[in-house]
Amino acid sequence: MNPSSIQIRLERVVALRKRYKAIRYFFYFILFLLVLYSIKITVIEDTDWERIGGLGMVAKAMGRFLPPDLSVVKYLFKPTVETFMIACLGTMLAVVLSIPVIWLGAHNITPFFAVTYPLGRSLMTLSRSVNEIVWALIFVAAVGLGAFPGILAIAMRSVGFVAKTTAEAIEDVNTGPIEAIKAVGGSRFQVIRYAILPQILPIFISLVIFQWDINIRRATITGLVGAGGLGLTIQRQLLMYNYGGVTTVILAMLVLIGIGEVVSYYARRAII
């Protein structure tokens, strides 16, 4: 190859890189303009700045939440335990419900790909697309107030995450053990039991612990729509305009979430 052809190829490569660089910066510029437009529409134009007032009014409004009303503490033990149990039972129910969804939604183990794979993926998407507050509203309307709709809401919200991540882990497993078991005449169940399950079990357990940690936070929120726990308590304090009591309940939420963080950390270290 003569030097002139090498020079021509280098010039083409440099020109191509410059073109890609220009296109990339153009998309960055468009994205920046979209962000500015979003801020203008959602923050500047859609905010009632007259109602907010100045910093003094904001500080005065925030000051209503201080100091915490410690007289509420004696009423927080039961809602705190209830919130913790909603997270635990909701996570356990999500694990049970996610198993068939995982089986349907992993393309290398789904029984009838054309039918069951789209069904499994649709269930995952439905679970993840609907917020836990919406699930809680649905189940409160269906079964009434209390912890039970909170458990159902937490479970339905968690199925999608656990099932999707586990199904993708199953799709990425090492195929060597699978082929070996099939070669000696192993059944589909034996392939799943002895080739796939040992590979994805640590991932699945880690996901469940992580989801339980998240569900403690979710359980404190679903109560705002009547699904029990600390959320229901904070709603009652708001209805009574006891802003100091609201602060006390929020502090109880932070303590519970902190306990969940510690427990999940040591649980992952002990099990995984």
C-alpha atoms as a PDB file:
ATOM      1  CA  MET A   1       0.000   0.000   0.000  1.00  0.00           C
ATOM      2  CA  ASN A   2       1.536   3.265  -1.112  1.00  0.00           C
ATOM      3  CA  PRO A   3       1.818   6.286   1.176  1.00  0.00           C
ATOM      4  CA  SER A   4      -0.782   8.287  -0.745  1.00  0.00           C
ATOM      5  CA  SER A   5      -3.511   5.670  -0.206  1.00  0.00           C
ATOM      6  CA  ILE A   6      -2.634   5.487   3.487  1.00  0.00           C
ATOM      7  CA  GLN A   7      -2.932   9.257   3.711  1.00  0.00           C
ATOM      8  CA  ILE A   8      -6.316   9.166   1.986  1.00  0.00           C
ATOM      9  CA  ARG A   9      -7.607   6.500   4.400  1.00  0.00           C
ATOM     10  CA  LEU A  10      -6.374   8.475   7.400  1.00  0.00           C
ATOM     11  CA  GLU A  11      -8.104  11.579   6.116  1.00  0.00           C
ATOM     12  CA  ARG A  12     -11.343   9.615   5.692  1.00  0.00           C
ATOM     13  CA  VAL A  13     -11.100   8.240   9.240  1.00  0.00           C
ATOM     14  CA  VAL A  14     -10.434  11.706  10.654  1.00  0.00           C
ATOM     15  CA  ALA A  15     -13.334  13.181   8.669  1.00  0.00           C
ATOM     16  CA  LEU A  16     -15.639  10.380   9.827  1.00  0.00           C
ATOM     17  CA  ARG A  17     -14.683  10.926  13.452  1.00  0.00           C
ATOM     18  CA  LYS A  18     -15.276  14.657  13.114  1.00  0.00           C
ATOM     19  CA  ARG A  19     -18.694  13.952  11.617  1.00  0.00           C
ATOM     20  CA  TYR A  20     -19.657  11.596  14.461  1.00  0.00           C
ATOM     21  CA  LYS A  21     -18.359  14.122  16.984  1.00  0.00           C
ATOM     22  CA  ALA A  22     -20.429  16.888  15.400  1.00  0.00           C
ATOM     23  CA  ILE A  23     -23.537  14.691  15.411  1.00  0.00           C
ATOM     24  CA  ARG A  24     -22.968  13.780  19.067  1.00  0.00           C
ATOM     25  CA  TYR A  25     -22.565  17.411  20.111  1.00  0.00           C
ATOM     26  CA  PHE A  26     -25.650  18.312  18.093  1.00  0.00           C
ATOM     27  CA  PHE A  27     -27.718  15.765  20.069  1.00  0.00           C
ATOM     28  CA  TYR A  28     -26.226  17.091  23.318  1.00  0.00           C
ATOM     29  CA  PHE A  29     -27.311  20.588  22.277  1.00  0.00           C
ATOM     30  CA  ILE A  30     -30.852  19.381  21.469  1.00  0.00           C
ATOM     31  CA  LEU A  31     -31.014  17.585  24.816  1.00  0.00           C
ATOM     32  CA  PHE A  32     -29.862  20.760  26.589  1.00  0.00           C
ATOM     33  CA  LEU A  33     -32.597  22.771  24.842  1.00  0.00           C
ATOM     34  CA  LEU A  34     -35.213  20.173  25.841  1.00  0.00           C
ATOM     35  CA  VAL A  35     -34.093  20.393  29.468  1.00  0.00           C
ATOM     36  CA  LEU A  36     -34.366  24.177  29.395  1.00  0.00           C
ATOM     37  CA  TYR A  37     -37.801  23.964  27.801  1.00  0.00           C
ATOM     38  CA  SER A  38     -38.938  21.448  30.439  1.00  0.00           C
ATOM     39  CA  ILE A  39     -37.737  23.745  33.228  1.00  0.00           C
ATOM     40  CA  LYS A  40     -39.559  26.671  31.646  1.00  0.00           C
ATOM     41  CA  ILE A  41     -42.851  24.760  31.287  1.00  0.00           C
ATOM     42  CA  THR A  42     -42.901  22.716  34.497  1.00  0.00           C
ATOM     43  CA  VAL A  43     -41.068  24.978  36.959  1.00  0.00           C
ATOM     44  CA  ILE A  44     -41.259  28.577  35.829  1.00  0.00           C
ATOM     45  CA  GLU A  45     -44.696  28.748  34.176  1.00  0.00           C
ATOM     46  CA  ASP A  46     -46.542  26.001  36.054  1.00  0.00           C
ATOM     47  CA  THR A  47     -45.598  27.139  39.591  1.00  0.00           C
ATOM     48  CA  ASP A  48     -47.732  29.517  41.602  1.00  0.00           C
ATOM     49  CA  TRP A  49     -44.878  31.786  42.676  1.00  0.00           C
ATOM     50  CA  GLU A  50     -47.229  34.352  44.221  1.00  0.00           C
ATOM     51  CA  ARG A  51     -48.600  31.723  46.587  1.00  0.00           C
ATOM     52  CA  ILE A  52     -45.106  30.597  47.569  1.00  0.00           C
ATOM     53  CA  GLY A  53     -44.003  34.116  48.351  1.00  0.00           C
ATOM     54  CA  GLY A  54     -40.500  34.977  49.486  1.00  0.00           C
ATOM     55  CA  LEU A  55     -37.971  33.060  51.531  1.00  0.00           C
ATOM     56  CA  GLY A  56     -39.565  34.385  54.691  1.00  0.00           C
ATOM     57  CA  MET A  57     -42.906  32.758  53.918  1.00  0.00           C
ATOM     58  CA  VAL A  58     -41.185  29.492  52.967  1.00  0.00           C
ATOM     59  CA  ALA A  59     -39.220  29.520  56.236  1.00  0.00           C
ATOM     60  CA  LYS A  60     -42.414  30.266  58.166  1.00  0.00           C
ATOM     61  CA  ALA A  61     -44.217  27.352  56.509  1.00  0.00           C
ATOM     62  CA  MET A  62     -41.324  24.997  57.224  1.00  0.00           C
ATOM     63  CA  GLY A  63     -41.151  26.268  60.792  1.00  0.00           C
ATOM     64  CA  ARG A  64     -44.613  24.832  61.499  1.00  0.00           C
ATOM     65  CA  PHE A  65     -43.064  21.362  61.412  1.00  0.00           C
ATOM     66  CA  LEU A  66     -40.694  22.219  64.264  1.00  0.00           C
ATOM     67  CA  PRO A  67     -40.244  21.168  66.970  1.00  0.00           C
ATOM     68  CA  PRO A  68     -41.405  17.535  66.736  1.00  0.00           C
ATOM     69  CA  ASP A  69     -44.439  16.636  68.833  1.00  0.00           C
ATOM     70  CA  LEU A  70     -43.000  13.987  71.144  1.00  0.00           C
ATOM     71  CA  SER A  71     -46.427  13.208  72.578  1.00  0.00           C
ATOM     72  CA  VAL A  72     -47.097  11.235  69.383  1.00  0.00           C
ATOM     73  CA  VAL A  73     -44.217   8.816  70.053  1.00  0.00           C
ATOM     74  CA  LYS A  74     -46.296   6.543  72.288  1.00  0.00           C
ATOM     75  CA  TYR A  75     -48.700   5.941  69.399  1.00  0.00           C
ATOM     76  CA  LEU A  76     -46.000   4.988  66.888  1.00  0.00           C
ATOM     77  CA  PHE A  77     -44.926   1.519  68.039  1.00  0.00           C
ATOM     78  CA  LYS A  78     -47.818  -0.372  66.489  1.00  0.00           C
ATOM     79  CA  PRO A  79     -47.765   1.513  63.133  1.00  0.00           C
ATOM     80  CA  THR A  80     -43.977   1.052  62.938  1.00  0.00           C
ATOM     81  CA  VAL A  81     -44.241  -2.693  63.481  1.00  0.00           C
ATOM     82  CA  GLU A  82     -47.149  -2.806  61.039  1.00  0.00           C
ATOM     83  CA  THR A  83     -45.080  -0.999  58.392  1.00  0.00           C
ATOM     84  CA  PHE A  84     -42.214  -3.440  58.910  1.00  0.00           C
ATOM     85  CA  MET A  85     -44.550  -6.437  58.600  1.00  0.00           C
ATOM     86  CA  ILE A  86     -46.211  -4.991  55.474  1.00  0.00           C
ATOM     87  CA  ALA A  87     -42.764  -4.807  53.851  1.00  0.00           C
ATOM     88  CA  CYS A  88     -41.846  -8.351  54.941  1.00  0.00           C
ATOM     89  CA  LEU A  89     -45.137 -10.005  53.965  1.00  0.00           C
ATOM     90  CA  GLY A  90     -45.385  -8.018  50.738  1.00  0.00           C
ATOM     91  CA  THR A  91     -41.881  -9.124  49.756  1.00  0.00           C
ATOM     92  CA  MET A  92     -42.638 -12.763  50.612  1.00  0.00           C
ATOM     93  CA  LEU A  93     -45.815 -12.669  48.533  1.00  0.00           C
ATOM     94  CA  ALA A  94     -43.890 -11.033  45.680  1.00  0.00           C
ATOM     95  CA  VAL A  95     -41.362 -13.890  45.733  1.00  0.00           C
ATOM     96  CA  VAL A  96     -44.157 -16.456  45.432  1.00  0.00           C
ATOM     97  CA  LEU A  97     -45.906 -14.557  42.640  1.00  0.00           C
ATOM     98  CA  SER A  98     -42.695 -13.853  40.735  1.00  0.00           C
ATOM     99  CA  ILE A  99     -41.722 -17.523  40.335  1.00  0.00           C
ATOM    100  CA  PRO A 100     -44.307 -18.350  37.620  1.00  0.00           C
ATOM    101  CA  VAL A 101     -43.689 -14.969  35.975  1.00  0.00           C
ATOM    102  CA  ILE A 102     -39.949 -15.744  35.819  1.00  0.00           C
ATOM    103  CA  TRP A 103     -40.714 -19.142  34.301  1.00  0.00           C
ATOM    104  CA  LEU A 104     -42.911 -17.552  31.637  1.00  0.00           C
ATOM    105  CA  GLY A 105     -40.658 -14.567  30.948  1.00  0.00           C
ATOM    106  CA  ALA A 106     -37.227 -16.209  30.494  1.00  0.00           C
ATOM    107  CA  HIS A 107     -36.902 -17.142  26.819  1.00  0.00           C
ATOM    108  CA  ASN A 108     -34.682 -20.201  27.397  1.00  0.00           C
ATOM    109  CA  ILE A 109     -37.076 -21.939  29.820  1.00  0.00           C
ATOM    110  CA  THR A 110     -40.525 -20.601  28.872  1.00  0.00           C
ATOM    111  CA  PRO A 111     -42.771 -23.543  27.841  1.00  0.00           C
ATOM    112  CA  PHE A 112     -44.509 -22.083  24.738  1.00  0.00           C
ATOM    113  CA  PHE A 113     -42.406 -19.175  23.515  1.00  0.00           C
ATOM    114  CA  ALA A 114     -44.927 -17.574  21.159  1.00  0.00           C
ATOM    115  CA  VAL A 115     -47.582 -17.357  23.901  1.00  0.00           C
ATOM    116  CA  THR A 116     -46.007 -17.571  27.343  1.00  0.00           C
ATOM    117  CA  TYR A 117     -42.952 -15.351  26.730  1.00  0.00           C
ATOM    118  CA  PRO A 118     -45.006 -12.263  25.710  1.00  0.00           C
ATOM    119  CA  LEU A 119     -47.394 -13.006  28.588  1.00  0.00           C
ATOM    120  CA  GLY A 120     -44.571 -13.147  31.139  1.00  0.00           C
ATOM    121  CA  ARG A 121     -42.965  -9.971  29.833  1.00  0.00           C
ATOM    122  CA  SER A 122     -46.321  -8.180  29.825  1.00  0.00           C
ATOM    123  CA  LEU A 123     -46.884  -9.089  33.477  1.00  0.00           C
ATOM    124  CA  MET A 124     -43.432  -7.746  34.363  1.00  0.00           C
ATOM    125  CA  THR A 125     -44.131  -4.500  32.544  1.00  0.00           C
ATOM    126  CA  LEU A 126     -47.558  -4.104  34.139  1.00  0.00           C
ATOM    127  CA  SER A 127     -46.152  -4.586  37.627  1.00  0.00           C
ATOM    128  CA  ARG A 128     -43.319  -2.094  37.127  1.00  0.00           C
ATOM    129  CA  SER A 129     -45.377   0.497  35.278  1.00  0.00           C
ATOM    130  CA  VAL A 130     -48.024   1.012  37.972  1.00  0.00           C
ATOM    131  CA  ASN A 131     -46.808   2.914  41.030  1.00  0.00           C
ATOM    132  CA  GLU A 132     -47.296   1.404  44.485  1.00  0.00           C
ATOM    133  CA  ILE A 133     -49.622   4.283  45.410  1.00  0.00           C
ATOM    134  CA  VAL A 134     -51.899   3.372  42.496  1.00  0.00           C
ATOM    135  CA  TRP A 135     -51.784  -0.319  43.461  1.00  0.00           C
ATOM    136  CA  ALA A 136     -52.634   0.680  47.033  1.00  0.00           C
ATOM    137  CA  LEU A 137     -55.596   2.770  45.856  1.00  0.00           C
ATOM    138  CA  ILE A 138     -56.864  -0.170  43.811  1.00  0.00           C
ATOM    139  CA  PHE A 139     -56.597  -2.650  46.683  1.00  0.00           C
ATOM    140  CA  VAL A 140     -57.976  -0.210  49.272  1.00  0.00           C
ATOM    141  CA  ALA A 141     -61.032   0.157  47.036  1.00  0.00           C
ATOM    142  CA  ALA A 142     -61.221  -3.631  46.642  1.00  0.00           C
ATOM    143  CA  VAL A 143     -60.616  -4.913  50.189  1.00  0.00           C
ATOM    144  CA  GLY A 144     -60.894  -1.831  52.409  1.00  0.00           C
ATOM    145  CA  LEU A 145     -58.514   0.055  54.676  1.00  0.00           C
ATOM    146  CA  GLY A 146     -55.726  -1.560  56.660  1.00  0.00           C
ATOM    147  CA  ALA A 147     -52.487  -3.458  56.240  1.00  0.00           C
ATOM    148  CA  PHE A 148     -53.804  -6.106  53.829  1.00  0.00           C
ATOM    149  CA  PRO A 149     -54.151  -3.785  50.806  1.00  0.00           C
ATOM    150  CA  GLY A 150     -50.673  -2.461  51.621  1.00  0.00           C
ATOM    151  CA  ILE A 151     -49.260  -5.993  51.479  1.00  0.00           C
ATOM    152  CA  LEU A 152     -50.959  -6.633  48.146  1.00  0.00           C
ATOM    153  CA  ALA A 153     -49.763  -3.305  46.732  1.00  0.00           C
ATOM    154  CA  ILE A 154     -46.165  -3.939  47.796  1.00  0.00           C
ATOM    155  CA  ALA A 155     -46.276  -7.451  46.329  1.00  0.00           C
ATOM    156  CA  MET A 156     -47.705  -6.354  42.986  1.00  0.00           C
ATOM    157  CA  ARG A 157     -45.156  -3.537  42.672  1.00  0.00           C
ATOM    158  CA  SER A 158     -42.241  -5.860  43.482  1.00  0.00           C
ATOM    159  CA  VAL A 159     -43.072  -8.748  41.154  1.00  0.00           C
ATOM    160  CA  GLY A 160     -41.957  -6.924  38.029  1.00  0.00           C
ATOM    161  CA  PHE A 161     -38.500  -6.007  39.309  1.00  0.00           C
ATOM    162  CA  VAL A 162     -37.709  -9.405  40.837  1.00  0.00           C
ATOM    163  CA  ALA A 163     -39.096 -11.358  37.872  1.00  0.00           C
ATOM    164  CA  LYS A 164     -37.481  -9.233  35.154  1.00  0.00           C
ATOM    165  CA  THR A 165     -34.016  -9.184  36.696  1.00  0.00           C
ATOM    166  CA  THR A 166     -34.082 -12.891  37.536  1.00  0.00           C
ATOM    167  CA  ALA A 167     -35.384 -13.839  34.079  1.00  0.00           C
ATOM    168  CA  GLU A 168     -32.551 -11.892  32.473  1.00  0.00           C
ATOM    169  CA  ALA A 169     -30.074 -13.664  34.760  1.00  0.00           C
ATOM    170  CA  ILE A 170     -31.520 -17.018  33.633  1.00  0.00           C
ATOM    171  CA  GLU A 171     -31.121 -16.001  30.003  1.00  0.00           C
ATOM    172  CA  ASP A 172     -27.429 -15.240  30.627  1.00  0.00           C
ATOM    173  CA  VAL A 173     -26.499 -18.455  32.495  1.00  0.00           C
ATOM    174  CA  ASN A 174     -23.625 -20.677  31.421  1.00  0.00           C
ATOM    175  CA  THR A 175     -25.059 -23.155  28.909  1.00  0.00           C
ATOM    176  CA  GLY A 176     -22.466 -25.858  29.636  1.00  0.00           C
ATOM    177  CA  PRO A 177     -24.308 -27.495  32.576  1.00  0.00           C
ATOM    178  CA  ILE A 178     -27.598 -27.275  30.653  1.00  0.00           C
ATOM    179  CA  GLU A 179     -26.178 -29.116  27.655  1.00  0.00           C
ATOM    180  CA  ALA A 180     -24.547 -31.716  29.886  1.00  0.00           C
ATOM    181  CA  ILE A 181     -27.812 -32.564  31.663  1.00  0.00           C
ATOM    182  CA  LYS A 182     -29.708 -32.664  28.361  1.00  0.00           C
ATOM    183  CA  ALA A 183     -27.044 -34.970  26.916  1.00  0.00           C
ATOM    184  CA  VAL A 184     -27.662 -37.606  29.586  1.00  0.00           C
ATOM    185  CA  GLY A 185     -31.432 -37.415  29.091  1.00  0.00           C
ATOM    186  CA  GLY A 186     -32.345 -34.963  31.822  1.00  0.00           C
ATOM    187  CA  SER A 187     -35.873 -33.559  31.872  1.00  0.00           C
ATOM    188  CA  ARG A 188     -36.774 -29.862  31.661  1.00  0.00           C
ATOM    189  CA  PHE A 189     -37.330 -29.804  35.435  1.00  0.00           C
ATOM    190  CA  GLN A 190     -33.922 -31.399  36.065  1.00  0.00           C
ATOM    191  CA  VAL A 191     -32.272 -28.818  33.807  1.00  0.00           C
ATOM    192  CA  ILE A 192     -33.849 -26.012  35.823  1.00  0.00           C
ATOM    193  CA  ARG A 193     -33.156 -27.677  39.172  1.00  0.00           C
ATOM    194  CA  TYR A 194     -29.524 -28.723  38.663  1.00  0.00           C
ATOM    195  CA  ALA A 195     -28.172 -26.460  35.888  1.00  0.00           C
ATOM    196  CA  ILE A 196     -29.992 -23.122  36.137  1.00  0.00           C
ATOM    197  CA  LEU A 197     -31.081 -22.750  39.759  1.00  0.00           C
ATOM    198  CA  PRO A 198     -27.570 -23.080  41.302  1.00  0.00           C
ATOM    199  CA  GLN A 199     -26.323 -20.316  38.992  1.00  0.00           C
ATOM    200  CA  ILE A 200     -29.068 -17.773  39.618  1.00  0.00           C
ATOM    201  CA  LEU A 201     -29.941 -18.506  43.265  1.00  0.00           C
ATOM    202  CA  PRO A 202     -27.379 -16.057  44.744  1.00  0.00           C
ATOM    203  CA  ILE A 203     -28.619 -13.351  42.361  1.00  0.00           C
ATOM    204  CA  PHE A 204     -32.240 -14.087  43.242  1.00  0.00           C
ATOM    205  CA  ILE A 205     -31.592 -13.941  46.996  1.00  0.00           C
ATOM    206  CA  SER A 206     -29.691 -10.673  46.623  1.00  0.00           C
ATOM    207  CA  LEU A 207     -32.573  -9.208  44.604  1.00  0.00           C
ATOM    208  CA  VAL A 208     -35.124 -10.249  47.214  1.00  0.00           C
ATOM    209  CA  ILE A 209     -33.104  -8.659  50.033  1.00  0.00           C
ATOM    210  CA  PHE A 210     -32.651  -5.483  48.006  1.00  0.00           C
ATOM    211  CA  GLN A 211     -36.354  -5.398  47.170  1.00  0.00           C
ATOM    212  CA  TRP A 212     -37.281  -5.894  50.830  1.00  0.00           C
ATOM    213  CA  ASP A 213     -35.104  -2.907  51.697  1.00  0.00           C
ATOM    214  CA  ILE A 214     -36.947  -0.808  49.097  1.00  0.00           C
ATOM    215  CA  ASN A 215     -40.316  -2.108  50.271  1.00  0.00           C
ATOM    216  CA  ILE A 216     -39.771  -0.697  53.755  1.00  0.00           C
ATOM    217  CA  ARG A 217     -39.789   2.747  52.127  1.00  0.00           C
ATOM    218  CA  ARG A 218     -42.786   1.852  49.979  1.00  0.00           C
ATOM    219  CA  ALA A 219     -44.721   0.577  52.979  1.00  0.00           C
ATOM    220  CA  THR A 220     -44.325   3.949  54.701  1.00  0.00           C
ATOM    221  CA  ILE A 221     -45.848   5.691  51.669  1.00  0.00           C
ATOM    222  CA  THR A 222     -48.764   3.413  50.790  1.00  0.00           C
ATOM    223  CA  GLY A 223     -50.353   4.193  54.153  1.00  0.00           C
ATOM    224  CA  LEU A 224     -51.028   7.725  52.922  1.00  0.00           C
ATOM    225  CA  VAL A 225     -53.915   6.294  50.895  1.00  0.00           C
ATOM    226  CA  GLY A 226     -55.221   4.125  53.729  1.00  0.00           C
ATOM    227  CA  ALA A 227     -53.023   1.033  53.420  1.00  0.00           C
ATOM    228  CA  GLY A 228     -51.956   0.987  57.073  1.00  0.00           C
ATOM    229  CA  GLY A 229     -48.652   1.604  58.830  1.00  0.00           C
ATOM    230  CA  LEU A 230     -46.832   4.865  59.427  1.00  0.00           C
ATOM    231  CA  GLY A 231     -48.240   6.391  56.254  1.00  0.00           C
ATOM    232  CA  LEU A 232     -51.755   6.205  57.678  1.00  0.00           C
ATOM    233  CA  THR A 233     -50.486   7.783  60.898  1.00  0.00           C
ATOM    234  CA  ILE A 234     -48.874  10.688  59.061  1.00  0.00           C
ATOM    235  CA  GLN A 235     -52.091  11.202  57.115  1.00  0.00           C
ATOM    236  CA  ARG A 236     -54.045  11.481  60.382  1.00  0.00           C
ATOM    237  CA  GLN A 237     -51.552  13.996  61.753  1.00  0.00           C
ATOM    238  CA  LEU A 238     -51.923  16.080  58.597  1.00  0.00           C
ATOM    239  CA  LEU A 239     -55.715  15.999  58.876  1.00  0.00           C
ATOM    240  CA  MET A 240     -55.403  17.305  62.441  1.00  0.00           C
ATOM    241  CA  TYR A 241     -52.931  20.011  61.279  1.00  0.00           C
ATOM    242  CA  ASN A 242     -50.452  18.665  63.819  1.00  0.00           C
ATOM    243  CA  TYR A 243     -47.313  19.459  61.833  1.00  0.00           C
ATOM    244  CA  GLY A 244     -45.038  18.653  64.753  1.00  0.00           C
ATOM    245  CA  GLY A 245     -46.622  15.210  64.852  1.00  0.00           C
ATOM    246  CA  VAL A 246     -45.899  14.839  61.141  1.00  0.00           C
ATOM    247  CA  THR A 247     -42.227  15.529  61.847  1.00  0.00           C
ATOM    248  CA  THR A 248     -42.235  12.902  64.606  1.00  0.00           C
ATOM    249  CA  VAL A 249     -43.710  10.290  62.262  1.00  0.00           C
ATOM    250  CA  ILE A 250     -41.142  11.175  59.587  1.00  0.00           C
ATOM    251  CA  LEU A 251     -38.373  10.651  62.135  1.00  0.00           C
ATOM    252  CA  ALA A 252     -39.862   7.254  62.977  1.00  0.00           C
ATOM    253  CA  MET A 253     -39.823   6.441  59.249  1.00  0.00           C
ATOM    254  CA  LEU A 254     -36.148   7.384  59.053  1.00  0.00           C
ATOM    255  CA  VAL A 255     -35.319   5.158  62.019  1.00  0.00           C
ATOM    256  CA  LEU A 256     -37.181   2.224  60.456  1.00  0.00           C
ATOM    257  CA  ILE A 257     -35.494   2.750  57.085  1.00  0.00           C
ATOM    258  CA  GLY A 258     -32.111   2.938  58.814  1.00  0.00           C
ATOM    259  CA  ILE A 259     -32.795  -0.376  60.553  1.00  0.00           C
ATOM    260  CA  GLY A 260     -33.753  -1.863  57.208  1.00  0.00           C
ATOM    261  CA  GLU A 261     -30.493  -0.630  55.666  1.00  0.00           C
ATOM    262  CA  VAL A 262     -28.430  -2.266  58.420  1.00  0.00           C
ATOM    263  CA  VAL A 263     -30.366  -5.548  58.327  1.00  0.00           C
ATOM    264  CA  SER A 264     -30.220  -5.807  54.537  1.00  0.00           C
ATOM    265  CA  TYR A 265     -26.467  -5.079  54.535  1.00  0.00           C
ATOM    266  CA  TYR A 266     -25.652  -7.839  56.997  1.00  0.00           C
ATOM    267  CA  ALA A 267     -28.176 -10.213  55.410  1.00  0.00           C
ATOM    268  CA  ARG A 268     -26.476  -9.845  52.041  1.00  0.00           C
ATOM    269  CA  ARG A 269     -23.064 -10.427  53.588  1.00  0.00           C
ATOM    270  CA  ALA A 270     -24.278 -13.510  55.457  1.00  0.00           C
ATOM    271  CA  ILE A 271     -26.252 -15.157  52.646  1.00  0.00           C
ATOM    272  CA  ILE A 272     -24.589 -14.143  49.399  1.00  0.00           C
END
